[in-house]
Amino acid sequence: MQRMGMVLGVKADKVEEYKRLHAAVWPELLELLSRHGITNYSIFLKEPENLLFGYWEYVGDDYEADARAIAEAQINKDWWAICMPCQQPLEHRAPGEWWAMMPSVFHLD
């Protein structure tokens, strides 16, 4: 199992829309994520800074292939089309990242 954390901004005028969208995530999208090894997925919001912190656990055996399959799925592309306009990527992130990935520095079971 691999723990993954990431951070992203949300535009101030889109916070309520983002909350509304995530209060009713499409079941087909949730099934896609589960089918590709994503579990224990949570997104937290820190206001008034409007920072999103995402956390999930990956339980598959080929993250690159699963991430690619998720990204290429039409249901995911449709979800991104309505969520991405709400989001504000961080200035300092790796090339190609939207959500900035965060390395783990501590864990307690």
PDB file of N, CA and C in Angstrom:
ATOM      1  N   MET A   1       0.836  -1.173   0.000  1.00  0.00           N
ATOM      2  CA  MET A   1       0.000   0.000   0.000  1.00  0.00           C
ATOM      3  C   MET A   1       0.884   1.240   0.000  1.00  0.00           C
ATOM      4  N   GLN A   2       0.510   2.204  -0.790  1.00  0.00           N
ATOM      5  CA  GLN A   2       1.251   3.454  -0.919  1.00  0.00           C
ATOM      6  C   GLN A   2       0.348   4.601  -0.500  1.00  0.00           C
ATOM      7  N   ARG A   3       0.792   5.414   0.469  1.00  0.00           N
ATOM      8  CA  ARG A   3       0.043   6.591   0.901  1.00  0.00           C
ATOM      9  C   ARG A   3       0.457   7.776   0.046  1.00  0.00           C
ATOM     10  N   MET A   4      -0.529   8.566  -0.391  1.00  0.00           N
ATOM     11  CA  MET A   4      -0.228   9.687  -1.273  1.00  0.00           C
ATOM     12  C   MET A   4      -0.956  10.932  -0.786  1.00  0.00           C
ATOM     13  N   GLY A   5      -0.229  12.043  -0.693  1.00  0.00           N
ATOM     14  CA  GLY A   5      -0.801  13.322  -0.307  1.00  0.00           C
ATOM     15  C   GLY A   5      -0.504  14.367  -1.371  1.00  0.00           C
ATOM     16  N   MET A   6      -1.413  15.310  -1.506  1.00  0.00           N
ATOM     17  CA  MET A   6      -1.255  16.336  -2.534  1.00  0.00           C
ATOM     18  C   MET A   6      -1.970  17.601  -2.093  1.00  0.00           C
ATOM     19  N   VAL A   7      -1.564  18.730  -2.666  1.00  0.00           N
ATOM     20  CA  VAL A   7      -2.148  20.022  -2.298  1.00  0.00           C
ATOM     21  C   VAL A   7      -2.458  20.819  -3.559  1.00  0.00           C
ATOM     22  N   LEU A   8      -3.492  21.646  -3.454  1.00  0.00           N
ATOM     23  CA  LEU A   8      -3.969  22.453  -4.575  1.00  0.00           C
ATOM     24  C   LEU A   8      -4.780  23.605  -3.999  1.00  0.00           C
ATOM     25  N   GLY A   9      -4.824  24.703  -4.703  1.00  0.00           N
ATOM     26  CA  GLY A   9      -5.689  25.802  -4.295  1.00  0.00           C
ATOM     27  C   GLY A   9      -7.065  25.661  -4.906  1.00  0.00           C
ATOM     28  N   VAL A  10      -8.031  26.329  -4.297  1.00  0.00           N
ATOM     29  CA  VAL A  10      -9.369  26.449  -4.885  1.00  0.00           C
ATOM     30  C   VAL A  10      -9.683  27.945  -4.930  1.00  0.00           C
ATOM     31  N   LYS A  11     -10.219  28.386  -6.041  1.00  0.00           N
ATOM     32  CA  LYS A  11     -10.520  29.802  -6.230  1.00  0.00           C
ATOM     33  C   LYS A  11     -11.588  30.233  -5.228  1.00  0.00           C
ATOM     34  N   ALA A  12     -11.381  31.409  -4.632  1.00  0.00           N
ATOM     35  CA  ALA A  12     -12.283  31.892  -3.577  1.00  0.00           C
ATOM     36  C   ALA A  12     -13.742  31.931  -4.031  1.00  0.00           C
ATOM     37  N   ASP A  13     -13.970  32.319  -5.258  1.00  0.00           N
ATOM     38  CA  ASP A  13     -15.350  32.415  -5.733  1.00  0.00           C
ATOM     39  C   ASP A  13     -15.925  31.066  -6.172  1.00  0.00           C
ATOM     40  N   LYS A  14     -15.135  30.005  -6.048  1.00  0.00           N
ATOM     41  CA  LYS A  14     -15.579  28.667  -6.453  1.00  0.00           C
ATOM     42  C   LYS A  14     -15.639  27.677  -5.290  1.00  0.00           C
ATOM     43  N   VAL A  15     -15.363  28.145  -4.071  1.00  0.00           N
ATOM     44  CA  VAL A  15     -15.329  27.247  -2.904  1.00  0.00           C
ATOM     45  C   VAL A  15     -16.669  26.535  -2.722  1.00  0.00           C
ATOM     46  N   GLU A  16     -17.758  27.265  -2.741  1.00  0.00           N
ATOM     47  CA  GLU A  16     -19.066  26.640  -2.513  1.00  0.00           C
ATOM     48  C   GLU A  16     -19.413  25.659  -3.622  1.00  0.00           C
ATOM     49  N   GLU A  17     -19.084  25.999  -4.859  1.00  0.00           N
ATOM     50  CA  GLU A  17     -19.329  25.073  -5.962  1.00  0.00           C
ATOM     51  C   GLU A  17     -18.507  23.802  -5.789  1.00  0.00           C
ATOM     52  N   TYR A  18     -17.250  23.952  -5.388  1.00  0.00           N
ATOM     53  CA  TYR A  18     -16.376  22.799  -5.189  1.00  0.00           C
ATOM     54  C   TYR A  18     -16.934  21.887  -4.089  1.00  0.00           C
ATOM     55  N   LYS A  19     -17.398  22.496  -3.003  1.00  0.00           N
ATOM     56  CA  LYS A  19     -18.014  21.714  -1.924  1.00  0.00           C
ATOM     57  C   LYS A  19     -19.255  20.977  -2.427  1.00  0.00           C
ATOM     58  N   ARG A  20     -20.091  21.668  -3.192  1.00  0.00           N
ATOM     59  CA  ARG A  20     -21.316  21.065  -3.725  1.00  0.00           C
ATOM     60  C   ARG A  20     -20.980  19.878  -4.632  1.00  0.00           C
ATOM     61  N   LEU A  21     -20.013  20.042  -5.506  1.00  0.00           N
ATOM     62  CA  LEU A  21     -19.616  18.953  -6.399  1.00  0.00           C
ATOM     63  C   LEU A  21     -19.157  17.728  -5.612  1.00  0.00           C
ATOM     64  N   HIS A  22     -18.370  17.969  -4.583  1.00  0.00           N
ATOM     65  CA  HIS A  22     -17.802  16.848  -3.833  1.00  0.00           C
ATOM     66  C   HIS A  22     -18.748  16.256  -2.795  1.00  0.00           C
ATOM     67  N   ALA A  23     -19.862  16.910  -2.582  1.00  0.00           N
ATOM     68  CA  ALA A  23     -20.898  16.326  -1.725  1.00  0.00           C
ATOM     69  C   ALA A  23     -21.690  15.265  -2.484  1.00  0.00           C
ATOM     70  N   ALA A  24     -21.520  15.236  -3.805  1.00  0.00           N
ATOM     71  CA  ALA A  24     -22.278  14.287  -4.631  1.00  0.00           C
ATOM     72  C   ALA A  24     -21.408  13.796  -5.801  1.00  0.00           C
ATOM     73  N   VAL A  25     -20.260  13.228  -5.473  1.00  0.00           N
ATOM     74  CA  VAL A  25     -19.363  12.711  -6.519  1.00  0.00           C
ATOM     75  C   VAL A  25     -20.079  11.588  -7.265  1.00  0.00           C
ATOM     76  N   TRP A  26     -19.931  11.580  -8.573  1.00  0.00           N
ATOM     77  CA  TRP A  26     -20.608  10.601  -9.410  1.00  0.00           C
ATOM     78  C   TRP A  26     -20.205   9.178  -9.038  1.00  0.00           C
ATOM     79  N   PRO A  27     -21.164   8.291  -8.841  1.00  0.00           N
ATOM     80  CA  PRO A  27     -20.855   6.890  -8.486  1.00  0.00           C
ATOM     81  C   PRO A  27     -19.943   6.199  -9.501  1.00  0.00           C
ATOM     82  N   GLU A  28     -20.099   6.523 -10.780  1.00  0.00           N
ATOM     83  CA  GLU A  28     -19.254   5.905 -11.809  1.00  0.00           C
ATOM     84  C   GLU A  28     -17.792   6.319 -11.648  1.00  0.00           C
ATOM     85  N   LEU A  29     -17.569   7.544 -11.196  1.00  0.00           N
ATOM     86  CA  LEU A  29     -16.206   8.012 -10.960  1.00  0.00           C
ATOM     87  C   LEU A  29     -15.606   7.307  -9.748  1.00  0.00           C
ATOM     88  N   LEU A  30     -16.401   7.181  -8.694  1.00  0.00           N
ATOM     89  CA  LEU A  30     -15.921   6.477  -7.497  1.00  0.00           C
ATOM     90  C   LEU A  30     -15.573   5.024  -7.824  1.00  0.00           C
ATOM     91  N   GLU A  31     -16.384   4.392  -8.664  1.00  0.00           N
ATOM     92  CA  GLU A  31     -16.128   3.004  -9.052  1.00  0.00           C
ATOM     93  C   GLU A  31     -14.838   2.915  -9.868  1.00  0.00           C
ATOM     94  N   LEU A  32     -14.603   3.874 -10.752  1.00  0.00           N
ATOM     95  CA  LEU A  32     -13.370   3.907 -11.546  1.00  0.00           C
ATOM     96  C   LEU A  32     -12.152   3.991 -10.631  1.00  0.00           C
ATOM     97  N   LEU A  33     -12.188   4.891  -9.677  1.00  0.00           N
ATOM     98  CA  LEU A  33     -11.065   5.042  -8.746  1.00  0.00           C
ATOM     99  C   LEU A  33     -10.822   3.749  -7.972  1.00  0.00           C
ATOM    100  N   SER A  34     -11.885   3.171  -7.448  1.00  0.00           N
ATOM    101  CA  SER A  34     -11.757   1.917  -6.689  1.00  0.00           C
ATOM    102  C   SER A  34     -11.196   0.795  -7.551  1.00  0.00           C
ATOM    103  N   ARG A  35     -11.685   0.695  -8.777  1.00  0.00           N
ATOM    104  CA  ARG A  35     -11.231  -0.363  -9.693  1.00  0.00           C
ATOM    105  C   ARG A  35      -9.733  -0.253  -9.983  1.00  0.00           C
ATOM    106  N   HIS A  36      -9.196   0.955  -9.870  1.00  0.00           N
ATOM    107  CA  HIS A  36      -7.777   1.167 -10.157  1.00  0.00           C
ATOM    108  C   HIS A  36      -6.949   1.399  -8.891  1.00  0.00           C
ATOM    109  N   GLY A  37      -7.399   0.838  -7.785  1.00  0.00           N
ATOM    110  CA  GLY A  37      -6.574   0.762  -6.590  1.00  0.00           C
ATOM    111  C   GLY A  37      -6.571   1.960  -5.670  1.00  0.00           C
ATOM    112  N   ILE A  38      -7.438   2.942  -5.909  1.00  0.00           N
ATOM    113  CA  ILE A  38      -7.496   4.116  -5.033  1.00  0.00           C
ATOM    114  C   ILE A  38      -8.507   3.835  -3.924  1.00  0.00           C
ATOM    115  N   THR A  39      -8.060   3.981  -2.696  1.00  0.00           N
ATOM    116  CA  THR A  39      -8.925   3.730  -1.539  1.00  0.00           C
ATOM    117  C   THR A  39      -8.636   4.779  -0.464  1.00  0.00           C
ATOM    118  N   ASN A  40      -9.515   4.867   0.502  1.00  0.00           N
ATOM    119  CA  ASN A  40      -9.341   5.779   1.635  1.00  0.00           C
ATOM    120  C   ASN A  40      -9.023   7.198   1.152  1.00  0.00           C
ATOM    121  N   TYR A  41      -9.785   7.669   0.177  1.00  0.00           N
ATOM    122  CA  TYR A  41      -9.550   8.957  -0.471  1.00  0.00           C
ATOM    123  C   TYR A  41     -10.335  10.036   0.272  1.00  0.00           C
ATOM    124  N   SER A  42      -9.636  11.086   0.654  1.00  0.00           N
ATOM    125  CA  SER A  42     -10.257  12.231   1.326  1.00  0.00           C
ATOM    126  C   SER A  42      -9.682  13.519   0.759  1.00  0.00           C
ATOM    127  N   ILE A  43     -10.513  14.568   0.740  1.00  0.00           N
ATOM    128  CA  ILE A  43     -10.044  15.911   0.405  1.00  0.00           C
ATOM    129  C   ILE A  43     -10.481  16.824   1.548  1.00  0.00           C
ATOM    130  N   PHE A  44      -9.539  17.599   2.053  1.00  0.00           N
ATOM    131  CA  PHE A  44      -9.783  18.551   3.135  1.00  0.00           C
ATOM    132  C   PHE A  44      -9.618  19.965   2.585  1.00  0.00           C
ATOM    133  N   LEU A  45     -10.368  20.914   3.132  1.00  0.00           N
ATOM    134  CA  LEU A  45     -10.300  22.301   2.702  1.00  0.00           C
ATOM    135  C   LEU A  45      -9.895  23.177   3.877  1.00  0.00           C
ATOM    136  N   LYS A  46      -8.876  24.006   3.684  1.00  0.00           N
ATOM    137  CA  LYS A  46      -8.440  24.979   4.691  1.00  0.00           C
ATOM    138  C   LYS A  46      -8.839  26.368   4.215  1.00  0.00           C
ATOM    139  N   GLU A  47      -9.807  26.934   4.924  1.00  0.00           N
ATOM    140  CA  GLU A  47     -10.234  28.293   4.636  1.00  0.00           C
ATOM    141  C   GLU A  47      -9.697  29.225   5.715  1.00  0.00           C
ATOM    142  N   PRO A  48      -9.411  30.444   5.495  1.00  0.00           N
ATOM    143  CA  PRO A  48      -9.686  31.218   4.293  1.00  0.00           C
ATOM    144  C   PRO A  48      -8.591  31.124   3.229  1.00  0.00           C
ATOM    145  N   GLU A  49      -7.551  30.343   3.477  1.00  0.00           N
ATOM    146  CA  GLU A  49      -6.470  30.236   2.498  1.00  0.00           C
ATOM    147  C   GLU A  49      -6.910  29.511   1.230  1.00  0.00           C
ATOM    148  N   ASN A  50      -7.995  28.749   1.349  1.00  0.00           N
ATOM    149  CA  ASN A  50      -8.557  27.997   0.235  1.00  0.00           C
ATOM    150  C   ASN A  50      -7.570  26.990  -0.353  1.00  0.00           C
ATOM    151  N   LEU A  51      -6.960  26.243   0.550  1.00  0.00           N
ATOM    152  CA  LEU A  51      -6.065  25.166   0.157  1.00  0.00           C
ATOM    153  C   LEU A  51      -6.790  23.841   0.311  1.00  0.00           C
ATOM    154  N   LEU A  52      -6.646  23.006  -0.687  1.00  0.00           N
ATOM    155  CA  LEU A  52      -7.182  21.648  -0.633  1.00  0.00           C
ATOM    156  C   LEU A  52      -6.029  20.701  -0.343  1.00  0.00           C
ATOM    157  N   PHE A  53      -6.259  19.774   0.572  1.00  0.00           N
ATOM    158  CA  PHE A  53      -5.295  18.709   0.830  1.00  0.00           C
ATOM    159  C   PHE A  53      -5.989  17.400   0.498  1.00  0.00           C
ATOM    160  N   GLY A  54      -5.425  16.664  -0.423  1.00  0.00           N
ATOM    161  CA  GLY A  54      -5.973  15.375  -0.805  1.00  0.00           C
ATOM    162  C   GLY A  54      -5.095  14.249  -0.301  1.00  0.00           C
ATOM    163  N   TYR A  55      -5.735  13.171   0.123  1.00  0.00           N
ATOM    164  CA  TYR A  55      -5.016  11.996   0.611  1.00  0.00           C
ATOM    165  C   TYR A  55      -5.710  10.756   0.076  1.00  0.00           C
ATOM    166  N   TRP A  56      -4.914   9.792  -0.387  1.00  0.00           N
ATOM    167  CA  TRP A  56      -5.460   8.489  -0.733  1.00  0.00           C
ATOM    168  C   TRP A  56      -4.416   7.429  -0.508  1.00  0.00           C
ATOM    169  N   GLU A  57      -4.888   6.218  -0.528  1.00  0.00           N
ATOM    170  CA  GLU A  57      -3.997   5.063  -0.445  1.00  0.00           C
ATOM    171  C   GLU A  57      -4.156   4.275  -1.735  1.00  0.00           C
ATOM    172  N   TYR A  58      -3.025   3.893  -2.308  1.00  0.00           N
ATOM    173  CA  TYR A  58      -3.024   3.109  -3.538  1.00  0.00           C
ATOM    174  C   TYR A  58      -2.685   1.672  -3.173  1.00  0.00           C
ATOM    175  N   VAL A  59      -3.573   0.745  -3.538  1.00  0.00           N
ATOM    176  CA  VAL A  59      -3.399  -0.655  -3.161  1.00  0.00           C
ATOM    177  C   VAL A  59      -3.146  -1.565  -4.359  1.00  0.00           C
ATOM    178  N   GLY A  60      -2.901  -0.993  -5.521  1.00  0.00           N
ATOM    179  CA  GLY A  60      -2.601  -1.801  -6.702  1.00  0.00           C
ATOM    180  C   GLY A  60      -1.130  -2.131  -6.791  1.00  0.00           C
ATOM    181  N   ASP A  61      -0.728  -2.645  -7.951  1.00  0.00           N
ATOM    182  CA  ASP A  61       0.674  -3.014  -8.119  1.00  0.00           C
ATOM    183  C   ASP A  61       1.353  -2.311  -9.288  1.00  0.00           C
ATOM    184  N   ASP A  62       0.643  -1.404  -9.988  1.00  0.00           N
ATOM    185  CA  ASP A  62       1.233  -0.639 -11.084  1.00  0.00           C
ATOM    186  C   ASP A  62       0.573   0.734 -11.114  1.00  0.00           C
ATOM    187  N   TYR A  63       1.065   1.619 -10.267  1.00  0.00           N
ATOM    188  CA  TYR A  63       0.446   2.935 -10.126  1.00  0.00           C
ATOM    189  C   TYR A  63       0.449   3.708 -11.440  1.00  0.00           C
ATOM    190  N   GLU A  64       1.548   3.675 -12.166  1.00  0.00           N
ATOM    191  CA  GLU A  64       1.618   4.425 -13.424  1.00  0.00           C
ATOM    192  C   GLU A  64       0.513   3.994 -14.387  1.00  0.00           C
ATOM    193  N   ALA A  65       0.317   2.680 -14.531  1.00  0.00           N
ATOM    194  CA  ALA A  65      -0.724   2.172 -15.437  1.00  0.00           C
ATOM    195  C   ALA A  65      -2.114   2.533 -14.929  1.00  0.00           C
ATOM    196  N   ASP A  66      -2.344   2.407 -13.626  1.00  0.00           N
ATOM    197  CA  ASP A  66      -3.650   2.743 -13.077  1.00  0.00           C
ATOM    198  C   ASP A  66      -3.930   4.237 -13.195  1.00  0.00           C
ATOM    199  N   ALA A  67      -2.931   5.080 -12.911  1.00  0.00           N
ATOM    200  CA  ALA A  67      -3.121   6.529 -13.032  1.00  0.00           C
ATOM    201  C   ALA A  67      -3.432   6.904 -14.478  1.00  0.00           C
ATOM    202  N   ARG A  68      -2.764   6.270 -15.409  1.00  0.00           N
ATOM    203  CA  ARG A  68      -3.010   6.533 -16.828  1.00  0.00           C
ATOM    204  C   ARG A  68      -4.435   6.114 -17.214  1.00  0.00           C
ATOM    205  N   ALA A  69      -4.866   4.940 -16.739  1.00  0.00           N
ATOM    206  CA  ALA A  69      -6.221   4.465 -17.046  1.00  0.00           C
ATOM    207  C   ALA A  69      -7.279   5.406 -16.477  1.00  0.00           C
ATOM    208  N   ILE A  70      -7.058   5.895 -15.284  1.00  0.00           N
ATOM    209  CA  ILE A  70      -7.989   6.854 -14.675  1.00  0.00           C
ATOM    210  C   ILE A  70      -8.022   8.138 -15.500  1.00  0.00           C
ATOM    211  N   ALA A  71      -6.860   8.661 -15.837  1.00  0.00           N
ATOM    212  CA  ALA A  71      -6.779   9.915 -16.590  1.00  0.00           C
ATOM    213  C   ALA A  71      -7.431   9.807 -17.958  1.00  0.00           C
ATOM    214  N   GLU A  72      -7.368   8.637 -18.574  1.00  0.00           N
ATOM    215  CA  GLU A  72      -7.902   8.450 -19.921  1.00  0.00           C
ATOM    216  C   GLU A  72      -9.392   8.116 -19.950  1.00  0.00           C
ATOM    217  N   ALA A  73      -9.966   7.770 -18.821  1.00  0.00           N
ATOM    218  CA  ALA A  73     -11.387   7.401 -18.775  1.00  0.00           C
ATOM    219  C   ALA A  73     -12.266   8.632 -19.012  1.00  0.00           C
ATOM    220  N   GLN A  74     -13.271   8.493 -19.849  1.00  0.00           N
ATOM    221  CA  GLN A  74     -14.131   9.623 -20.197  1.00  0.00           C
ATOM    222  C   GLN A  74     -14.846  10.197 -18.981  1.00  0.00           C
ATOM    223  N   ILE A  75     -15.304   9.360 -18.056  1.00  0.00           N
ATOM    224  CA  ILE A  75     -15.999   9.864 -16.864  1.00  0.00           C
ATOM    225  C   ILE A  75     -15.085  10.773 -16.051  1.00  0.00           C
ATOM    226  N   ASN A  76     -13.801  10.433 -15.996  1.00  0.00           N
ATOM    227  CA  ASN A  76     -12.835  11.258 -15.274  1.00  0.00           C
ATOM    228  C   ASN A  76     -12.580  12.567 -16.021  1.00  0.00           C
ATOM    229  N   LYS A  77     -12.477  12.502 -17.335  1.00  0.00           N
ATOM    230  CA  LYS A  77     -12.294  13.723 -18.129  1.00  0.00           C
ATOM    231  C   LYS A  77     -13.484  14.662 -17.945  1.00  0.00           C
ATOM    232  N   ASP A  78     -14.686  14.094 -17.892  1.00  0.00           N
ATOM    233  CA  ASP A  78     -15.886  14.905 -17.673  1.00  0.00           C
ATOM    234  C   ASP A  78     -15.864  15.556 -16.291  1.00  0.00           C
ATOM    235  N   TRP A  79     -15.424  14.802 -15.277  1.00  0.00           N
ATOM    236  CA  TRP A  79     -15.327  15.333 -13.908  1.00  0.00           C
ATOM    237  C   TRP A  79     -14.302  16.464 -13.851  1.00  0.00           C
ATOM    238  N   TRP A  80     -13.138  16.220 -14.449  1.00  0.00           N
ATOM    239  CA  TRP A  80     -12.107  17.259 -14.469  1.00  0.00           C
ATOM    240  C   TRP A  80     -12.611  18.526 -15.150  1.00  0.00           C
ATOM    241  N   ALA A  81     -13.417  18.374 -16.197  1.00  0.00           N
ATOM    242  CA  ALA A  81     -13.916  19.535 -16.936  1.00  0.00           C
ATOM    243  C   ALA A  81     -14.754  20.459 -16.056  1.00  0.00           C
ATOM    244  N   ILE A  82     -15.435  19.904 -15.055  1.00  0.00           N
ATOM    245  CA  ILE A  82     -16.232  20.771 -14.176  1.00  0.00           C
ATOM    246  C   ILE A  82     -15.477  21.161 -12.906  1.00  0.00           C
ATOM    247  N   CYS A  83     -14.497  20.363 -12.491  1.00  0.00           N
ATOM    248  CA  CYS A  83     -13.748  20.684 -11.265  1.00  0.00           C
ATOM    249  C   CYS A  83     -12.550  21.600 -11.509  1.00  0.00           C
ATOM    250  N   MET A  84     -11.845  21.392 -12.602  1.00  0.00           N
ATOM    251  CA  MET A  84     -10.613  22.162 -12.827  1.00  0.00           C
ATOM    252  C   MET A  84     -10.839  23.673 -12.881  1.00  0.00           C
ATOM    253  N   PRO A  85     -11.950  24.173 -13.413  1.00  0.00           N
ATOM    254  CA  PRO A  85     -12.154  25.622 -13.382  1.00  0.00           C
ATOM    255  C   PRO A  85     -12.290  26.186 -11.958  1.00  0.00           C
ATOM    256  N   CYS A  86     -12.572  25.330 -10.985  1.00  0.00           N
ATOM    257  CA  CYS A  86     -12.661  25.748  -9.581  1.00  0.00           C
ATOM    258  C   CYS A  86     -11.287  25.824  -8.922  1.00  0.00           C
ATOM    259  N   GLN A  87     -10.329  25.157  -9.508  1.00  0.00           N
ATOM    260  CA  GLN A  87      -9.043  24.945  -8.850  1.00  0.00           C
ATOM    261  C   GLN A  87      -7.986  25.951  -9.286  1.00  0.00           C
ATOM    262  N   GLN A  88      -7.021  26.162  -8.387  1.00  0.00           N
ATOM    263  CA  GLN A  88      -5.895  27.051  -8.642  1.00  0.00           C
ATOM    264  C   GLN A  88      -4.614  26.305  -8.275  1.00  0.00           C
ATOM    265  N   PRO A  89      -3.886  25.792  -9.263  1.00  0.00           N
ATOM    266  CA  PRO A  89      -2.650  25.067  -8.951  1.00  0.00           C
ATOM    267  C   PRO A  89      -1.638  25.966  -8.242  1.00  0.00           C
ATOM    268  N   LEU A  90      -0.826  25.352  -7.416  1.00  0.00           N
ATOM    269  CA  LEU A  90       0.215  26.101  -6.714  1.00  0.00           C
ATOM    270  C   LEU A  90       1.297  26.538  -7.693  1.00  0.00           C
ATOM    271  N   GLU A  91       1.886  27.675  -7.420  1.00  0.00           N
ATOM    272  CA  GLU A  91       2.951  28.184  -8.281  1.00  0.00           C
ATOM    273  C   GLU A  91       4.137  27.221  -8.311  1.00  0.00           C
ATOM    274  N   HIS A  92       4.503  26.694  -7.167  1.00  0.00           N
ATOM    275  CA  HIS A  92       5.681  25.818  -7.071  1.00  0.00           C
ATOM    276  C   HIS A  92       5.230  24.369  -7.030  1.00  0.00           C
ATOM    277  N   ARG A  93       5.163  23.771  -8.208  1.00  0.00           N
ATOM    278  CA  ARG A  93       4.806  22.367  -8.338  1.00  0.00           C
ATOM    279  C   ARG A  93       5.674  21.782  -9.441  1.00  0.00           C
ATOM    280  N   ALA A  94       5.756  20.483  -9.476  1.00  0.00           N
ATOM    281  CA  ALA A  94       6.588  19.824 -10.478  1.00  0.00           C
ATOM    282  C   ALA A  94       5.976  19.988 -11.870  1.00  0.00           C
ATOM    283  N   PRO A  95       6.800  19.998 -12.890  1.00  0.00           N
ATOM    284  CA  PRO A  95       6.271  20.078 -14.257  1.00  0.00           C
ATOM    285  C   PRO A  95       5.255  18.963 -14.512  1.00  0.00           C
ATOM    286  N   GLY A  96       4.135  19.333 -15.113  1.00  0.00           N
ATOM    287  CA  GLY A  96       3.096  18.362 -15.428  1.00  0.00           C
ATOM    288  C   GLY A  96       2.117  18.089 -14.299  1.00  0.00           C
ATOM    289  N   GLU A  97       2.382  18.610 -13.103  1.00  0.00           N
ATOM    290  CA  GLU A  97       1.458  18.392 -11.984  1.00  0.00           C
ATOM    291  C   GLU A  97       0.346  19.431 -12.009  1.00  0.00           C
ATOM    292  N   TRP A  98      -0.836  19.023 -11.613  1.00  0.00           N
ATOM    293  CA  TRP A  98      -1.935  19.951 -11.325  1.00  0.00           C
ATOM    294  C   TRP A  98      -2.011  20.042  -9.813  1.00  0.00           C
ATOM    295  N   TRP A  99      -2.363  18.924  -9.172  1.00  0.00           N
ATOM    296  CA  TRP A  99      -2.210  18.807  -7.723  1.00  0.00           C
ATOM    297  C   TRP A  99      -0.720  18.638  -7.462  1.00  0.00           C
ATOM    298  N   ALA A 100      -0.166  19.368  -6.518  1.00  0.00           N
ATOM    299  CA  ALA A 100       1.250  19.219  -6.167  1.00  0.00           C
ATOM    300  C   ALA A 100       1.379  18.051  -5.186  1.00  0.00           C
ATOM    301  N   MET A 101       2.150  17.048  -5.585  1.00  0.00           N
ATOM    302  CA  MET A 101       2.330  15.875  -4.734  1.00  0.00           C
ATOM    303  C   MET A 101       3.219  16.236  -3.545  1.00  0.00           C
ATOM    304  N   MET A 102       2.955  15.577  -2.415  1.00  0.00           N
ATOM    305  CA  MET A 102       3.666  15.873  -1.175  1.00  0.00           C
ATOM    306  C   MET A 102       4.309  14.586  -0.646  1.00  0.00           C
ATOM    307  N   PRO A 103       5.607  14.625  -0.388  1.00  0.00           N
ATOM    308  CA  PRO A 103       6.235  13.426   0.188  1.00  0.00           C
ATOM    309  C   PRO A 103       5.833  13.260   1.655  1.00  0.00           C
ATOM    310  N   SER A 104       5.736  12.032   2.073  1.00  0.00           N
ATOM    311  CA  SER A 104       5.427  11.734   3.468  1.00  0.00           C
ATOM    312  C   SER A 104       6.650  11.998   4.338  1.00  0.00           C
ATOM    313  N   VAL A 105       6.453  12.648   5.469  1.00  0.00           N
ATOM    314  CA  VAL A 105       7.549  12.859   6.407  1.00  0.00           C
ATOM    315  C   VAL A 105       7.280  12.218   7.762  1.00  0.00           C
ATOM    316  N   PHE A 106       6.037  11.731   7.974  1.00  0.00           N
ATOM    317  CA  PHE A 106       5.709  11.068   9.239  1.00  0.00           C
ATOM    318  C   PHE A 106       4.438  10.258   9.058  1.00  0.00           C
ATOM    319  N   HIS A 107       4.393   9.134   9.748  1.00  0.00           N
ATOM    320  CA  HIS A 107       3.182   8.305   9.758  1.00  0.00           C
ATOM    321  C   HIS A 107       3.136   7.520  11.063  1.00  0.00           C
ATOM    322  N   LEU A 108       1.946   7.373  11.620  1.00  0.00           N
ATOM    323  CA  LEU A 108       1.726   6.557  12.812  1.00  0.00           C
ATOM    324  C   LEU A 108       0.521   5.664  12.546  1.00  0.00           C
ATOM    325  N   ASP A 109       0.693   4.365  12.706  1.00  0.00           N
ATOM    326  CA  ASP A 109      -0.432   3.437  12.634  1.00  0.00           C
ATOM    327  C   ASP A 109      -1.012   3.255  14.014  1.00  0.00           C
TER     328      ASP A 109
END
